[in-house]
Amino acid sequence: MRGLGNNTSKFKQKSPTKRFLSILGLAMFAFYFILGILVIFWDNFPLDIDPTYKNMFGILLIVYSFLRFARLWQNNF
């Protein structure tokens, strides 16, 4: 049981700045992911572009959102 106290001491609380940046990173991940989904599935898209390019742009936004999430995960955990 003595080892339990040592393991919990490894987990330090984040500073308010790091916590804010983590939340902002999660919000930006969600923003790009939702924007990518909207671009793909929005029938009356305001810009007149080919549906293939619209889908490619949506997929690019989703891939970018996961790259941001991977970087956020790597830096915080």
PDB file of N, CA and C in Angstrom:
ATOM      1  N   MET A   1       0.822  -1.198   0.000  1.00  0.00           N
ATOM      2  CA  MET A   1       0.000   0.000   0.000  1.00  0.00           C
ATOM      3  C   MET A   1       0.862   1.257   0.000  1.00  0.00           C
ATOM      4  N   ARG A   2       2.090   1.121   0.464  1.00  0.00           N
ATOM      5  CA  ARG A   2       2.952   2.291   0.523  1.00  0.00           C
ATOM      6  C   ARG A   2       3.265   2.814  -0.877  1.00  0.00           C
ATOM      7  N   GLY A   3       3.284   1.955  -1.882  1.00  0.00           N
ATOM      8  CA  GLY A   3       3.581   2.354  -3.244  1.00  0.00           C
ATOM      9  C   GLY A   3       2.504   3.251  -3.852  1.00  0.00           C
ATOM     10  N   LEU A   4       1.292   3.173  -3.348  1.00  0.00           N
ATOM     11  CA  LEU A   4       0.212   4.002  -3.886  1.00  0.00           C
ATOM     12  C   LEU A   4       0.494   5.488  -3.696  1.00  0.00           C
ATOM     13  N   GLY A   5       1.018   5.862  -2.562  1.00  0.00           N
ATOM     14  CA  GLY A   5       1.310   7.267  -2.311  1.00  0.00           C
ATOM     15  C   GLY A   5       2.375   7.808  -3.248  1.00  0.00           C
ATOM     16  N   ASN A   6       3.330   6.967  -3.605  1.00  0.00           N
ATOM     17  CA  ASN A   6       4.390   7.397  -4.517  1.00  0.00           C
ATOM     18  C   ASN A   6       3.861   7.603  -5.935  1.00  0.00           C
ATOM     19  N   ASN A   7       2.922   6.766  -6.375  1.00  0.00           N
ATOM     20  CA  ASN A   7       2.377   6.891  -7.723  1.00  0.00           C
ATOM     21  C   ASN A   7       1.541   8.145  -7.876  1.00  0.00           C
ATOM     22  N   THR A   8       0.801   8.518  -6.848  1.00  0.00           N
ATOM     23  CA  THR A   8      -0.045   9.708  -6.971  1.00  0.00           C
ATOM     24  C   THR A   8       0.779  10.980  -6.941  1.00  0.00           C
ATOM     25  N   SER A   9       1.982  10.933  -6.391  1.00  0.00           N
ATOM     26  CA  SER A   9       2.800  12.140  -6.358  1.00  0.00           C
ATOM     27  C   SER A   9       3.364  12.475  -7.737  1.00  0.00           C
ATOM     28  N   LYS A  10       3.345  11.504  -8.672  1.00  0.00           N
ATOM     29  CA  LYS A  10       3.839  11.757 -10.022  1.00  0.00           C
ATOM     30  C   LYS A  10       2.895  12.645 -10.814  1.00  0.00           C
ATOM     31  N   PHE A  11       1.622  12.624 -10.470  1.00  0.00           N
ATOM     32  CA  PHE A  11       0.623  13.397 -11.196  1.00  0.00           C
ATOM     33  C   PHE A  11       0.491  14.771 -10.559  1.00  0.00           C
ATOM     34  N   LYS A  12       1.061  15.763 -11.222  1.00  0.00           N
ATOM     35  CA  LYS A  12       0.984  17.133 -10.718  1.00  0.00           C
ATOM     36  C   LYS A  12      -0.152  17.866 -11.411  1.00  0.00           C
ATOM     37  N   GLN A  13      -0.726  18.806 -10.709  1.00  0.00           N
ATOM     38  CA  GLN A  13      -1.792  19.591 -11.297  1.00  0.00           C
ATOM     39  C   GLN A  13      -1.188  20.590 -12.287  1.00  0.00           C
ATOM     40  N   LYS A  14      -1.904  20.795 -13.410  1.00  0.00           N
ATOM     41  CA  LYS A  14      -1.420  21.711 -14.434  1.00  0.00           C
ATOM     42  C   LYS A  14      -1.581  23.152 -13.975  1.00  0.00           C
ATOM     43  N   SER A  15      -0.719  24.005 -14.502  1.00  0.00           N
ATOM     44  CA  SER A  15      -0.868  25.423 -14.233  1.00  0.00           C
ATOM     45  C   SER A  15      -2.101  25.933 -14.983  1.00  0.00           C
ATOM     46  N   PRO A  16      -2.666  27.046 -14.560  1.00  0.00           N
ATOM     47  CA  PRO A  16      -3.855  27.580 -15.258  1.00  0.00           C
ATOM     48  C   PRO A  16      -3.599  27.863 -16.738  1.00  0.00           C
ATOM     49  N   THR A  17      -2.397  28.280 -17.084  1.00  0.00           N
ATOM     50  CA  THR A  17      -2.078  28.552 -18.485  1.00  0.00           C
ATOM     51  C   THR A  17      -2.088  27.268 -19.299  1.00  0.00           C
ATOM     52  N   LYS A  18      -1.469  26.211 -18.783  1.00  0.00           N
ATOM     53  CA  LYS A  18      -1.455  24.937 -19.504  1.00  0.00           C
ATOM     54  C   LYS A  18      -2.854  24.347 -19.594  1.00  0.00           C
ATOM     55  N   ARG A  19      -3.636  24.507 -18.536  1.00  0.00           N
ATOM     56  CA  ARG A  19      -5.005  23.998 -18.561  1.00  0.00           C
ATOM     57  C   ARG A  19      -5.821  24.744 -19.619  1.00  0.00           C
ATOM     58  N   PHE A  20      -5.664  26.067 -19.687  1.00  0.00           N
ATOM     59  CA  PHE A  20      -6.371  26.863 -20.680  1.00  0.00           C
ATOM     60  C   PHE A  20      -5.966  26.461 -22.099  1.00  0.00           C
ATOM     61  N   LEU A  21      -4.672  26.266 -22.321  1.00  0.00           N
ATOM     62  CA  LEU A  21      -4.203  25.868 -23.649  1.00  0.00           C
ATOM     63  C   LEU A  21      -4.681  24.472 -24.015  1.00  0.00           C
ATOM     64  N   SER A  22      -4.801  23.578 -23.042  1.00  0.00           N
ATOM     65  CA  SER A  22      -5.341  22.250 -23.312  1.00  0.00           C
ATOM     66  C   SER A  22      -6.800  22.331 -23.726  1.00  0.00           C
ATOM     67  N   ILE A  23      -7.569  23.137 -23.022  1.00  0.00           N
ATOM     68  CA  ILE A  23      -8.990  23.306 -23.359  1.00  0.00           C
ATOM     69  C   ILE A  23      -9.131  23.974 -24.714  1.00  0.00           C
ATOM     70  N   LEU A  24      -8.300  24.960 -24.993  1.00  0.00           N
ATOM     71  CA  LEU A  24      -8.333  25.625 -26.299  1.00  0.00           C
ATOM     72  C   LEU A  24      -7.959  24.650 -27.412  1.00  0.00           C
ATOM     73  N   GLY A  25      -6.979  23.792 -27.161  1.00  0.00           N
ATOM     74  CA  GLY A  25      -6.601  22.780 -28.145  1.00  0.00           C
ATOM     75  C   GLY A  25      -7.731  21.808 -28.426  1.00  0.00           C
ATOM     76  N   LEU A  26      -8.439  21.385 -27.374  1.00  0.00           N
ATOM     77  CA  LEU A  26      -9.593  20.501 -27.573  1.00  0.00           C
ATOM     78  C   LEU A  26     -10.702  21.209 -28.335  1.00  0.00           C
ATOM     79  N   ALA A  27     -10.915  22.486 -28.038  1.00  0.00           N
ATOM     80  CA  ALA A  27     -11.945  23.247 -28.746  1.00  0.00           C
ATOM     81  C   ALA A  27     -11.595  23.394 -30.227  1.00  0.00           C
ATOM     82  N   MET A  28     -10.336  23.619 -30.542  1.00  0.00           N
ATOM     83  CA  MET A  28      -9.934  23.755 -31.939  1.00  0.00           C
ATOM     84  C   MET A  28     -10.029  22.410 -32.665  1.00  0.00           C
ATOM     85  N   PHE A  29      -9.707  21.317 -31.974  1.00  0.00           N
ATOM     86  CA  PHE A  29      -9.902  19.990 -32.560  1.00  0.00           C
ATOM     87  C   PHE A  29     -11.372  19.796 -32.919  1.00  0.00           C
ATOM     88  N   ALA A  30     -12.251  20.107 -31.976  1.00  0.00           N
ATOM     89  CA  ALA A  30     -13.689  19.945 -32.226  1.00  0.00           C
ATOM     90  C   ALA A  30     -14.155  20.864 -33.350  1.00  0.00           C
ATOM     91  N   PHE A  31     -13.635  22.098 -33.390  1.00  0.00           N
ATOM     92  CA  PHE A  31     -14.030  23.050 -34.426  1.00  0.00           C
ATOM     93  C   PHE A  31     -13.675  22.527 -35.817  1.00  0.00           C
ATOM     94  N   TYR A  32     -12.424  22.088 -36.011  1.00  0.00           N
ATOM     95  CA  TYR A  32     -12.009  21.609 -37.325  1.00  0.00           C
ATOM     96  C   TYR A  32     -12.714  20.317 -37.704  1.00  0.00           C
ATOM     97  N   PHE A  33     -12.933  19.436 -36.724  1.00  0.00           N
ATOM     98  CA  PHE A  33     -13.630  18.182 -37.006  1.00  0.00           C
ATOM     99  C   PHE A  33     -15.072  18.447 -37.441  1.00  0.00           C
ATOM    100  N   ILE A  34     -15.780  19.296 -36.691  1.00  0.00           N
ATOM    101  CA  ILE A  34     -17.177  19.605 -37.030  1.00  0.00           C
ATOM    102  C   ILE A  34     -17.256  20.367 -38.345  1.00  0.00           C
ATOM    103  N   LEU A  35     -16.318  21.271 -38.589  1.00  0.00           N
ATOM    104  CA  LEU A  35     -16.297  21.994 -39.858  1.00  0.00           C
ATOM    105  C   LEU A  35     -16.093  21.037 -41.030  1.00  0.00           C
ATOM    106  N   GLY A  36     -15.213  20.055 -40.868  1.00  0.00           N
ATOM    107  CA  GLY A  36     -15.006  19.064 -41.918  1.00  0.00           C
ATOM    108  C   GLY A  36     -16.263  18.251 -42.189  1.00  0.00           C
ATOM    109  N   ILE A  37     -16.950  17.840 -41.135  1.00  0.00           N
ATOM    110  CA  ILE A  37     -18.206  17.095 -41.287  1.00  0.00           C
ATOM    111  C   ILE A  37     -19.252  17.959 -41.987  1.00  0.00           C
ATOM    112  N   LEU A  38     -19.351  19.225 -41.584  1.00  0.00           N
ATOM    113  CA  LEU A  38     -20.321  20.128 -42.208  1.00  0.00           C
ATOM    114  C   LEU A  38     -20.032  20.332 -43.689  1.00  0.00           C
ATOM    115  N   VAL A  39     -18.778  20.511 -44.038  1.00  0.00           N
ATOM    116  CA  VAL A  39     -18.421  20.729 -45.444  1.00  0.00           C
ATOM    117  C   VAL A  39     -18.804  19.507 -46.277  1.00  0.00           C
ATOM    118  N   ILE A  40     -18.568  18.320 -45.736  1.00  0.00           N
ATOM    119  CA  ILE A  40     -18.877  17.107 -46.491  1.00  0.00           C
ATOM    120  C   ILE A  40     -20.384  16.926 -46.668  1.00  0.00           C
ATOM    121  N   PHE A  41     -21.156  17.120 -45.616  1.00  0.00           N
ATOM    122  CA  PHE A  41     -22.574  16.766 -45.657  1.00  0.00           C
ATOM    123  C   PHE A  41     -23.520  17.938 -45.923  1.00  0.00           C
ATOM    124  N   TRP A  42     -23.017  19.159 -46.098  1.00  0.00           N
ATOM    125  CA  TRP A  42     -23.867  20.323 -46.343  1.00  0.00           C
ATOM    126  C   TRP A  42     -24.304  20.312 -47.805  1.00  0.00           C
ATOM    127  N   ASP A  43     -25.612  20.115 -48.037  1.00  0.00           N
ATOM    128  CA  ASP A  43     -26.133  20.022 -49.405  1.00  0.00           C
ATOM    129  C   ASP A  43     -26.091  21.361 -50.141  1.00  0.00           C
ATOM    130  N   ASN A  44     -26.512  22.428 -49.501  1.00  0.00           N
ATOM    131  CA  ASN A  44     -26.541  23.760 -50.133  1.00  0.00           C
ATOM    132  C   ASN A  44     -25.316  24.563 -49.715  1.00  0.00           C
ATOM    133  N   PHE A  45     -24.143  24.032 -50.017  1.00  0.00           N
ATOM    134  CA  PHE A  45     -22.898  24.703 -49.646  1.00  0.00           C
ATOM    135  C   PHE A  45     -22.827  26.052 -50.343  1.00  0.00           C
ATOM    136  N   PRO A  46     -22.505  27.139 -49.627  1.00  0.00           N
ATOM    137  CA  PRO A  46     -22.570  28.487 -50.209  1.00  0.00           C
ATOM    138  C   PRO A  46     -21.598  28.722 -51.378  1.00  0.00           C
ATOM    139  N   LEU A  47     -20.507  27.993 -51.436  1.00  0.00           N
ATOM    140  CA  LEU A  47     -19.562  28.165 -52.534  1.00  0.00           C
ATOM    141  C   LEU A  47     -19.879  27.158 -53.631  1.00  0.00           C
ATOM    142  N   ASP A  48     -19.770  27.605 -54.871  1.00  0.00           N
ATOM    143  CA  ASP A  48     -20.068  26.733 -55.994  1.00  0.00           C
ATOM    144  C   ASP A  48     -18.797  25.999 -56.421  1.00  0.00           C
ATOM    145  N   ILE A  49     -18.552  24.843 -55.775  1.00  0.00           N
ATOM    146  CA  ILE A  49     -17.390  24.032 -56.121  1.00  0.00           C
ATOM    147  C   ILE A  49     -17.842  22.609 -56.405  1.00  0.00           C
ATOM    148  N   ASP A  50     -16.995  21.887 -57.101  1.00  0.00           N
ATOM    149  CA  ASP A  50     -17.282  20.500 -57.452  1.00  0.00           C
ATOM    150  C   ASP A  50     -17.430  19.660 -56.174  1.00  0.00           C
ATOM    151  N   PRO A  51     -18.408  18.764 -56.127  1.00  0.00           N
ATOM    152  CA  PRO A  51     -18.592  17.945 -54.916  1.00  0.00           C
ATOM    153  C   PRO A  51     -17.362  17.108 -54.548  1.00  0.00           C
ATOM    154  N   THR A  52     -16.588  16.706 -55.526  1.00  0.00           N
ATOM    155  CA  THR A  52     -15.369  15.939 -55.226  1.00  0.00           C
ATOM    156  C   THR A  52     -14.384  16.784 -54.435  1.00  0.00           C
ATOM    157  N   TYR A  53     -14.183  18.043 -54.871  1.00  0.00           N
ATOM    158  CA  TYR A  53     -13.266  18.933 -54.156  1.00  0.00           C
ATOM    159  C   TYR A  53     -13.813  19.306 -52.795  1.00  0.00           C
ATOM    160  N   LYS A  54     -15.132  19.438 -52.694  1.00  0.00           N
ATOM    161  CA  LYS A  54     -15.758  19.749 -51.410  1.00  0.00           C
ATOM    162  C   LYS A  54     -15.509  18.608 -50.425  1.00  0.00           C
ATOM    163  N   ASN A  55     -15.671  17.363 -50.885  1.00  0.00           N
ATOM    164  CA  ASN A  55     -15.420  16.213 -50.019  1.00  0.00           C
ATOM    165  C   ASN A  55     -13.946  16.101 -49.646  1.00  0.00           C
ATOM    166  N   MET A  56     -13.064  16.372 -50.600  1.00  0.00           N
ATOM    167  CA  MET A  56     -11.631  16.320 -50.313  1.00  0.00           C
ATOM    168  C   MET A  56     -11.247  17.378 -49.276  1.00  0.00           C
ATOM    169  N   PHE A  57     -11.830  18.564 -49.376  1.00  0.00           N
ATOM    170  CA  PHE A  57     -11.559  19.627 -48.404  1.00  0.00           C
ATOM    171  C   PHE A  57     -12.075  19.233 -47.029  1.00  0.00           C
ATOM    172  N   GLY A  58     -13.251  18.633 -46.966  1.00  0.00           N
ATOM    173  CA  GLY A  58     -13.796  18.173 -45.690  1.00  0.00           C
ATOM    174  C   GLY A  58     -12.929  17.106 -45.061  1.00  0.00           C
ATOM    175  N   ILE A  59     -12.451  16.161 -45.868  1.00  0.00           N
ATOM    176  CA  ILE A  59     -11.570  15.111 -45.355  1.00  0.00           C
ATOM    177  C   ILE A  59     -10.249  15.706 -44.880  1.00  0.00           C
ATOM    178  N   LEU A  60      -9.728  16.688 -45.614  1.00  0.00           N
ATOM    179  CA  LEU A  60      -8.502  17.362 -45.209  1.00  0.00           C
ATOM    180  C   LEU A  60      -8.677  18.041 -43.846  1.00  0.00           C
ATOM    181  N   LEU A  61      -9.818  18.689 -43.626  1.00  0.00           N
ATOM    182  CA  LEU A  61     -10.081  19.327 -42.331  1.00  0.00           C
ATOM    183  C   LEU A  61     -10.153  18.297 -41.209  1.00  0.00           C
ATOM    184  N   ILE A  62     -10.763  17.150 -41.478  1.00  0.00           N
ATOM    185  CA  ILE A  62     -10.864  16.111 -40.460  1.00  0.00           C
ATOM    186  C   ILE A  62      -9.489  15.533 -40.138  1.00  0.00           C
ATOM    187  N   VAL A  63      -8.680  15.282 -41.153  1.00  0.00           N
ATOM    188  CA  VAL A  63      -7.322  14.769 -40.927  1.00  0.00           C
ATOM    189  C   VAL A  63      -6.498  15.785 -40.143  1.00  0.00           C
ATOM    190  N   TYR A  64      -6.635  17.073 -40.490  1.00  0.00           N
ATOM    191  CA  TYR A  64      -5.914  18.118 -39.773  1.00  0.00           C
ATOM    192  C   TYR A  64      -6.346  18.183 -38.309  1.00  0.00           C
ATOM    193  N   SER A  65      -7.646  17.997 -38.064  1.00  0.00           N
ATOM    194  CA  SER A  65      -8.117  18.026 -36.678  1.00  0.00           C
ATOM    195  C   SER A  65      -7.502  16.883 -35.872  1.00  0.00           C
ATOM    196  N   PHE A  66      -7.363  15.698 -36.487  1.00  0.00           N
ATOM    197  CA  PHE A  66      -6.754  14.586 -35.763  1.00  0.00           C
ATOM    198  C   PHE A  66      -5.253  14.795 -35.567  1.00  0.00           C
ATOM    199  N   LEU A  67      -4.592  15.469 -36.502  1.00  0.00           N
ATOM    200  CA  LEU A  67      -3.183  15.803 -36.291  1.00  0.00           C
ATOM    201  C   LEU A  67      -3.019  16.761 -35.121  1.00  0.00           C
ATOM    202  N   ARG A  68      -3.920  17.739 -35.015  1.00  0.00           N
ATOM    203  CA  ARG A  68      -3.888  18.655 -33.881  1.00  0.00           C
ATOM    204  C   ARG A  68      -4.135  17.913 -32.578  1.00  0.00           C
ATOM    205  N   PHE A  69      -5.090  16.965 -32.591  1.00  0.00           N
ATOM    206  CA  PHE A  69      -5.391  16.205 -31.389  1.00  0.00           C
ATOM    207  C   PHE A  69      -4.206  15.333 -30.985  1.00  0.00           C
ATOM    208  N   ALA A  70      -3.530  14.729 -31.964  1.00  0.00           N
ATOM    209  CA  ALA A  70      -2.365  13.901 -31.656  1.00  0.00           C
ATOM    210  C   ALA A  70      -1.255  14.739 -31.030  1.00  0.00           C
ATOM    211  N   ARG A  71      -1.040  15.937 -31.551  1.00  0.00           N
ATOM    212  CA  ARG A  71      -0.026  16.826 -30.983  1.00  0.00           C
ATOM    213  C   ARG A  71      -0.424  17.251 -29.564  1.00  0.00           C
ATOM    214  N   LEU A  72      -1.698  17.535 -29.369  1.00  0.00           N
ATOM    215  CA  LEU A  72      -2.188  17.907 -28.037  1.00  0.00           C
ATOM    216  C   LEU A  72      -2.007  16.755 -27.062  1.00  0.00           C
ATOM    217  N   TRP A  73      -2.335  15.545 -27.487  1.00  0.00           N
ATOM    218  CA  TRP A  73      -2.186  14.361 -26.640  1.00  0.00           C
ATOM    219  C   TRP A  73      -0.727  14.127 -26.280  1.00  0.00           C
ATOM    220  N   GLN A  74       0.150  14.301 -27.266  1.00  0.00           N
ATOM    221  CA  GLN A  74       1.578  14.078 -27.048  1.00  0.00           C
ATOM    222  C   GLN A  74       2.145  15.090 -26.058  1.00  0.00           C
ATOM    223  N   ASN A  75       1.705  16.321 -26.131  1.00  0.00           N
ATOM    224  CA  ASN A  75       2.245  17.358 -25.254  1.00  0.00           C
ATOM    225  C   ASN A  75       1.683  17.309 -23.834  1.00  0.00           C
ATOM    226  N   ASN A  76       0.467  16.775 -23.679  1.00  0.00           N
ATOM    227  CA  ASN A  76      -0.179  16.832 -22.358  1.00  0.00           C
ATOM    228  C   ASN A  76      -0.173  15.508 -21.615  1.00  0.00           C
ATOM    229  N   PHE A  77      -0.011  14.402 -22.293  1.00  0.00           N
ATOM    230  CA  PHE A  77      -0.111  13.119 -21.584  1.00  0.00           C
ATOM    231  C   PHE A  77       1.134  12.356 -21.820  1.00  0.00           C
TER     232      PHE A  77
END
